[in-house]
Amino acid sequence: GHRQAGRDFRQARATVQTVEEVRGWLLDGMASGFGLRGGPGRCHAFFVDFRECLKQSADPEGECVPLRDDYFECLHHKKEYTRQKIIADKIAKDGIPEPVSETVVSDPKSS
């Protein structure tokens, strides 16, 4: 039923790993570019950059990987969530750290 279809979709998405595998469904216009309120979607600019790289690159596996990573991070926030968890775990283990005071360093050229 519905749950099985959702599981199949997630499993299929989990197997997509390389730029070449993603190339087909991105070039077919995966994202409409419209956000929930009618303006551009929050990740559309990343999508456009990645799609253009795929269209123009002779070596998408080498050249487009950083753009793919940026687009997927915008969509899924995995790096952000991982960093938040690392910080939360450190706070749980060590307590809340003391704030670091910022020291303003004057530019020697302006003296």
N, C-alpha and C. Protein backbone atom coordinates (compact mmCIF):
# COMPACT_ATOMS: atom_id res chain seq x y z
N GLY A 1 0.81 -1.18 0.00
CA GLY A 1 0.00 0.00 0.00
C GLY A 1 0.86 1.25 0.00
N HIS A 2 0.34 2.27 0.64
CA HIS A 2 0.98 3.58 0.70
C HIS A 2 2.33 3.51 1.42
N ARG A 3 2.38 2.78 2.54
CA ARG A 3 3.64 2.68 3.29
C ARG A 3 4.72 2.00 2.48
N GLN A 4 4.34 0.95 1.75
CA GLN A 4 5.32 0.23 0.94
C GLN A 4 5.85 1.14 -0.16
N ALA A 5 4.98 1.92 -0.78
CA ALA A 5 5.41 2.84 -1.84
C ALA A 5 6.40 3.86 -1.27
N GLY A 6 6.13 4.38 -0.08
CA GLY A 6 7.04 5.33 0.56
C GLY A 6 8.39 4.69 0.85
N ARG A 7 8.38 3.45 1.34
CA ARG A 7 9.62 2.74 1.62
C ARG A 7 10.41 2.50 0.34
N ASP A 8 9.71 2.10 -0.74
CA ASP A 8 10.38 1.87 -2.02
C ASP A 8 11.02 3.16 -2.52
N PHE A 9 10.31 4.28 -2.39
CA PHE A 9 10.84 5.56 -2.84
C PHE A 9 12.09 5.93 -2.05
N ARG A 10 12.03 5.80 -0.71
CA ARG A 10 13.19 6.13 0.11
C ARG A 10 14.37 5.22 -0.21
N GLN A 11 14.10 3.95 -0.43
CA GLN A 11 15.18 3.02 -0.76
C GLN A 11 15.81 3.38 -2.11
N ALA A 12 14.99 3.74 -3.09
CA ALA A 12 15.50 4.14 -4.40
C ALA A 12 16.35 5.39 -4.27
N ARG A 13 15.89 6.36 -3.48
CA ARG A 13 16.65 7.60 -3.30
C ARG A 13 17.96 7.34 -2.58
N ALA A 14 17.96 6.39 -1.65
CA ALA A 14 19.17 6.08 -0.90
C ALA A 14 20.26 5.48 -1.79
N THR A 15 19.85 4.88 -2.89
CA THR A 15 20.83 4.25 -3.77
C THR A 15 21.45 5.25 -4.75
N VAL A 16 20.86 6.44 -4.89
CA VAL A 16 21.40 7.45 -5.81
C VAL A 16 22.61 8.07 -5.15
N GLN A 17 23.79 7.88 -5.74
CA GLN A 17 25.00 8.35 -5.10
C GLN A 17 25.87 9.19 -6.02
N THR A 18 26.00 8.82 -7.26
CA THR A 18 26.93 9.53 -8.12
C THR A 18 26.24 10.61 -8.93
N VAL A 19 27.04 11.55 -9.38
CA VAL A 19 26.51 12.64 -10.21
C VAL A 19 25.87 12.07 -11.47
N GLU A 20 26.51 11.08 -12.07
CA GLU A 20 25.99 10.50 -13.30
C GLU A 20 24.61 9.87 -13.08
N GLU A 21 24.42 9.22 -11.94
CA GLU A 21 23.11 8.63 -11.63
C GLU A 21 22.04 9.69 -11.43
N VAL A 22 22.44 10.83 -10.87
CA VAL A 22 21.49 11.91 -10.60
C VAL A 22 21.19 12.72 -11.85
N ARG A 23 22.12 12.71 -12.79
CA ARG A 23 22.05 13.56 -13.98
C ARG A 23 20.72 13.45 -14.71
N GLY A 24 20.24 12.24 -14.93
CA GLY A 24 19.01 12.05 -15.67
C GLY A 24 17.81 12.72 -15.04
N TRP A 25 17.55 12.45 -13.77
CA TRP A 25 16.35 13.04 -13.19
C TRP A 25 16.49 14.52 -12.93
N LEU A 26 17.69 15.06 -12.78
CA LEU A 26 17.83 16.51 -12.63
C LEU A 26 17.60 17.23 -13.95
N LEU A 27 18.15 16.69 -15.02
CA LEU A 27 18.00 17.36 -16.32
C LEU A 27 16.58 17.30 -16.83
N ASP A 28 15.79 16.38 -16.30
CA ASP A 28 14.38 16.30 -16.69
C ASP A 28 13.53 17.32 -15.95
N GLY A 29 14.14 18.15 -15.11
CA GLY A 29 13.39 19.21 -14.43
C GLY A 29 12.81 18.76 -13.12
N MET A 30 13.64 18.18 -12.26
CA MET A 30 13.18 17.67 -10.98
C MET A 30 12.50 18.74 -10.14
N ALA A 31 13.04 19.94 -10.10
CA ALA A 31 12.48 21.00 -9.26
C ALA A 31 11.77 22.02 -10.13
N SER A 32 10.61 22.48 -9.64
CA SER A 32 9.86 23.47 -10.40
C SER A 32 10.46 24.85 -10.25
N GLY A 33 11.13 25.09 -9.13
CA GLY A 33 11.69 26.41 -8.87
C GLY A 33 10.78 27.30 -8.06
N PHE A 34 9.55 26.86 -7.80
CA PHE A 34 8.61 27.66 -7.03
C PHE A 34 8.55 27.17 -5.59
N GLY A 35 8.62 28.11 -4.66
CA GLY A 35 8.53 27.78 -3.25
C GLY A 35 7.08 27.68 -2.83
N LEU A 36 6.87 27.45 -1.55
CA LEU A 36 5.51 27.30 -1.02
C LEU A 36 4.66 28.55 -1.17
N ARG A 37 5.29 29.70 -1.17
CA ARG A 37 4.54 30.96 -1.26
C ARG A 37 4.62 31.59 -2.66
N GLY A 38 5.02 30.81 -3.65
CA GLY A 38 5.02 31.28 -5.02
C GLY A 38 6.32 31.86 -5.52
N GLY A 39 7.22 32.25 -4.64
CA GLY A 39 8.52 32.78 -5.06
C GLY A 39 9.46 31.63 -5.38
N PRO A 40 10.71 31.96 -5.62
CA PRO A 40 11.67 30.89 -5.90
C PRO A 40 11.87 30.01 -4.66
N GLY A 41 12.04 28.72 -4.90
CA GLY A 41 12.28 27.79 -3.81
C GLY A 41 13.62 28.07 -3.15
N ARG A 42 13.76 27.70 -1.89
CA ARG A 42 14.97 28.03 -1.15
C ARG A 42 16.21 27.39 -1.74
N CYS A 43 16.07 26.27 -2.41
CA CYS A 43 17.24 25.56 -2.96
C CYS A 43 17.33 25.67 -4.48
N HIS A 44 16.46 26.46 -5.08
CA HIS A 44 16.42 26.51 -6.54
C HIS A 44 17.72 27.03 -7.14
N ALA A 45 18.35 28.02 -6.51
CA ALA A 45 19.61 28.56 -7.05
C ALA A 45 20.68 27.48 -7.07
N PHE A 46 20.73 26.64 -6.02
CA PHE A 46 21.69 25.54 -5.99
C PHE A 46 21.37 24.52 -7.08
N PHE A 47 20.08 24.26 -7.27
CA PHE A 47 19.64 23.33 -8.31
C PHE A 47 20.06 23.82 -9.69
N VAL A 48 19.84 25.10 -9.97
CA VAL A 48 20.18 25.66 -11.28
C VAL A 48 21.68 25.56 -11.53
N ASP A 49 22.49 25.90 -10.53
CA ASP A 49 23.95 25.80 -10.69
C ASP A 49 24.37 24.36 -10.98
N PHE A 50 23.82 23.42 -10.24
CA PHE A 50 24.16 22.01 -10.42
C PHE A 50 23.71 21.52 -11.80
N ARG A 51 22.49 21.88 -12.19
CA ARG A 51 21.98 21.45 -13.49
C ARG A 51 22.83 22.00 -14.63
N GLU A 52 23.22 23.27 -14.55
CA GLU A 52 24.05 23.87 -15.59
C GLU A 52 25.41 23.18 -15.67
N CYS A 53 25.96 22.83 -14.53
CA CYS A 53 27.24 22.12 -14.53
C CYS A 53 27.08 20.77 -15.24
N LEU A 54 26.00 20.07 -14.93
CA LEU A 54 25.77 18.77 -15.56
C LEU A 54 25.62 18.89 -17.07
N LYS A 55 24.95 19.95 -17.50
CA LYS A 55 24.74 20.15 -18.94
C LYS A 55 26.04 20.47 -19.66
N GLN A 56 26.92 21.25 -19.03
CA GLN A 56 28.08 21.79 -19.72
C GLN A 56 29.38 21.02 -19.47
N SER A 57 29.42 20.22 -18.44
CA SER A 57 30.68 19.59 -18.04
C SER A 57 31.00 18.35 -18.85
N ALA A 58 32.25 18.24 -19.24
CA ALA A 58 32.73 17.02 -19.88
C ALA A 58 33.05 15.97 -18.82
N ASP A 59 33.28 16.41 -17.57
CA ASP A 59 33.61 15.51 -16.46
C ASP A 59 32.75 15.85 -15.24
N PRO A 60 31.45 15.50 -15.28
CA PRO A 60 30.57 15.87 -14.17
C PRO A 60 30.96 15.21 -12.85
N GLU A 61 31.55 14.01 -12.89
CA GLU A 61 31.96 13.35 -11.66
C GLU A 61 33.04 14.14 -10.93
N GLY A 62 33.85 14.88 -11.66
CA GLY A 62 34.90 15.66 -11.03
C GLY A 62 34.48 17.09 -10.75
N GLU A 63 33.84 17.72 -11.71
CA GLU A 63 33.54 19.15 -11.62
C GLU A 63 32.27 19.46 -10.85
N CYS A 64 31.27 18.60 -10.90
CA CYS A 64 29.95 18.95 -10.37
C CYS A 64 29.68 18.44 -8.96
N VAL A 65 30.58 17.64 -8.41
CA VAL A 65 30.35 17.07 -7.07
C VAL A 65 30.16 18.15 -6.01
N PRO A 66 30.97 19.22 -5.96
CA PRO A 66 30.73 20.25 -4.94
C PRO A 66 29.36 20.91 -5.09
N LEU A 67 28.92 21.12 -6.33
CA LEU A 67 27.60 21.72 -6.55
C LEU A 67 26.49 20.77 -6.14
N ARG A 68 26.68 19.47 -6.41
CA ARG A 68 25.71 18.46 -5.96
C ARG A 68 25.63 18.47 -4.44
N ASP A 69 26.78 18.49 -3.78
CA ASP A 69 26.80 18.48 -2.32
C ASP A 69 26.10 19.71 -1.75
N ASP A 70 26.33 20.88 -2.35
CA ASP A 70 25.65 22.10 -1.89
C ASP A 70 24.14 21.98 -2.05
N TYR A 71 23.70 21.48 -3.20
CA TYR A 71 22.27 21.33 -3.46
C TYR A 71 21.64 20.35 -2.46
N PHE A 72 22.27 19.20 -2.25
CA PHE A 72 21.72 18.21 -1.33
C PHE A 72 21.75 18.71 0.11
N GLU A 73 22.78 19.49 0.48
CA GLU A 73 22.82 20.05 1.83
C GLU A 73 21.68 21.04 2.02
N CYS A 74 21.40 21.84 1.00
CA CYS A 74 20.28 22.77 1.07
C CYS A 74 18.96 22.03 1.26
N LEU A 75 18.80 20.92 0.55
CA LEU A 75 17.57 20.14 0.66
C LEU A 75 17.44 19.42 2.00
N HIS A 76 18.51 18.80 2.46
CA HIS A 76 18.41 17.85 3.57
C HIS A 76 19.10 18.28 4.86
N HIS A 77 20.01 19.24 4.82
CA HIS A 77 20.69 19.79 6.00
C HIS A 77 21.46 18.74 6.81
N LYS A 78 21.97 17.70 6.16
CA LYS A 78 22.65 16.63 6.91
C LYS A 78 23.90 17.12 7.62
N LYS A 79 24.72 17.94 6.95
CA LYS A 79 25.94 18.45 7.59
C LYS A 79 25.57 19.36 8.77
N GLU A 80 24.55 20.19 8.57
CA GLU A 80 24.11 21.11 9.63
C GLU A 80 23.62 20.31 10.84
N TYR A 81 22.79 19.30 10.61
CA TYR A 81 22.25 18.50 11.71
C TYR A 81 23.35 17.72 12.41
N THR A 82 24.33 17.23 11.65
CA THR A 82 25.45 16.51 12.25
C THR A 82 26.24 17.45 13.15
N ARG A 83 26.49 18.67 12.68
CA ARG A 83 27.23 19.65 13.49
C ARG A 83 26.46 20.01 14.75
N GLN A 84 25.14 20.19 14.63
CA GLN A 84 24.32 20.50 15.80
C GLN A 84 24.38 19.37 16.83
N LYS A 85 24.37 18.12 16.36
CA LYS A 85 24.43 16.98 17.26
C LYS A 85 25.78 16.92 17.97
N ILE A 86 26.86 17.19 17.24
CA ILE A 86 28.19 17.21 17.85
C ILE A 86 28.24 18.25 18.97
N ILE A 87 27.70 19.43 18.71
CA ILE A 87 27.69 20.50 19.71
C ILE A 87 26.82 20.11 20.90
N ALA A 88 25.63 19.57 20.64
CA ALA A 88 24.73 19.16 21.73
C ALA A 88 25.37 18.07 22.59
N ASP A 89 26.03 17.11 21.95
CA ASP A 89 26.70 16.04 22.69
C ASP A 89 27.83 16.60 23.56
N LYS A 90 28.58 17.56 23.02
CA LYS A 90 29.67 18.17 23.78
C LYS A 90 29.13 18.94 24.98
N ILE A 91 28.04 19.66 24.77
CA ILE A 91 27.43 20.41 25.87
C ILE A 91 26.91 19.44 26.93
N ALA A 92 26.28 18.35 26.51
CA ALA A 92 25.78 17.36 27.45
C ALA A 92 26.91 16.73 28.26
N LYS A 93 28.04 16.54 27.61
CA LYS A 93 29.19 15.90 28.27
C LYS A 93 29.94 16.89 29.17
N ASP A 94 30.24 18.09 28.64
CA ASP A 94 31.11 19.03 29.33
C ASP A 94 30.39 20.21 29.97
N GLY A 95 29.13 20.38 29.70
CA GLY A 95 28.41 21.56 30.17
C GLY A 95 28.53 22.69 29.17
N ILE A 96 27.85 23.78 29.44
CA ILE A 96 27.85 24.91 28.53
C ILE A 96 29.19 25.64 28.65
N PRO A 97 29.89 25.84 27.52
CA PRO A 97 31.19 26.50 27.59
C PRO A 97 31.05 27.99 27.90
N GLU A 98 32.10 28.53 28.48
CA GLU A 98 32.13 29.97 28.75
C GLU A 98 32.23 30.71 27.42
N PRO A 99 31.54 31.84 27.30
CA PRO A 99 31.65 32.61 26.05
C PRO A 99 33.08 33.12 25.86
N VAL A 100 33.48 33.17 24.63
CA VAL A 100 34.81 33.66 24.28
C VAL A 100 34.69 35.15 24.00
N SER A 101 35.49 35.95 24.72
CA SER A 101 35.42 37.39 24.48
C SER A 101 36.20 37.69 23.21
N GLU A 102 35.65 38.58 22.42
CA GLU A 102 36.31 38.93 21.16
C GLU A 102 37.26 40.10 21.41
N THR A 103 38.45 39.99 20.92
CA THR A 103 39.43 41.06 21.03
C THR A 103 39.52 41.77 19.71
N VAL A 104 39.34 43.05 19.73
CA VAL A 104 39.44 43.83 18.50
C VAL A 104 40.90 44.16 18.28
N VAL A 105 41.41 43.75 17.14
CA VAL A 105 42.80 44.02 16.79
C VAL A 105 42.80 45.16 15.79
N SER A 106 43.52 46.22 16.14
CA SER A 106 43.55 47.37 15.22
C SER A 106 44.51 47.08 14.07
N ASP A 107 44.20 47.65 12.96
CA ASP A 107 45.02 47.51 11.76
C ASP A 107 46.25 48.41 11.90
N PRO A 108 47.47 47.83 11.85
CA PRO A 108 48.67 48.66 12.04
C PRO A 108 48.83 49.72 10.95
N LYS A 109 48.25 49.52 9.79
CA LYS A 109 48.35 50.48 8.71
C LYS A 109 47.55 51.75 9.01
N SER A 110 46.49 51.61 9.85
CA SER A 110 45.63 52.76 10.11
C SER A 110 46.18 53.64 11.22
N SER A 111 47.25 53.22 11.89
CA SER A 111 47.83 54.02 12.99
C SER A 111 48.70 55.13 12.49
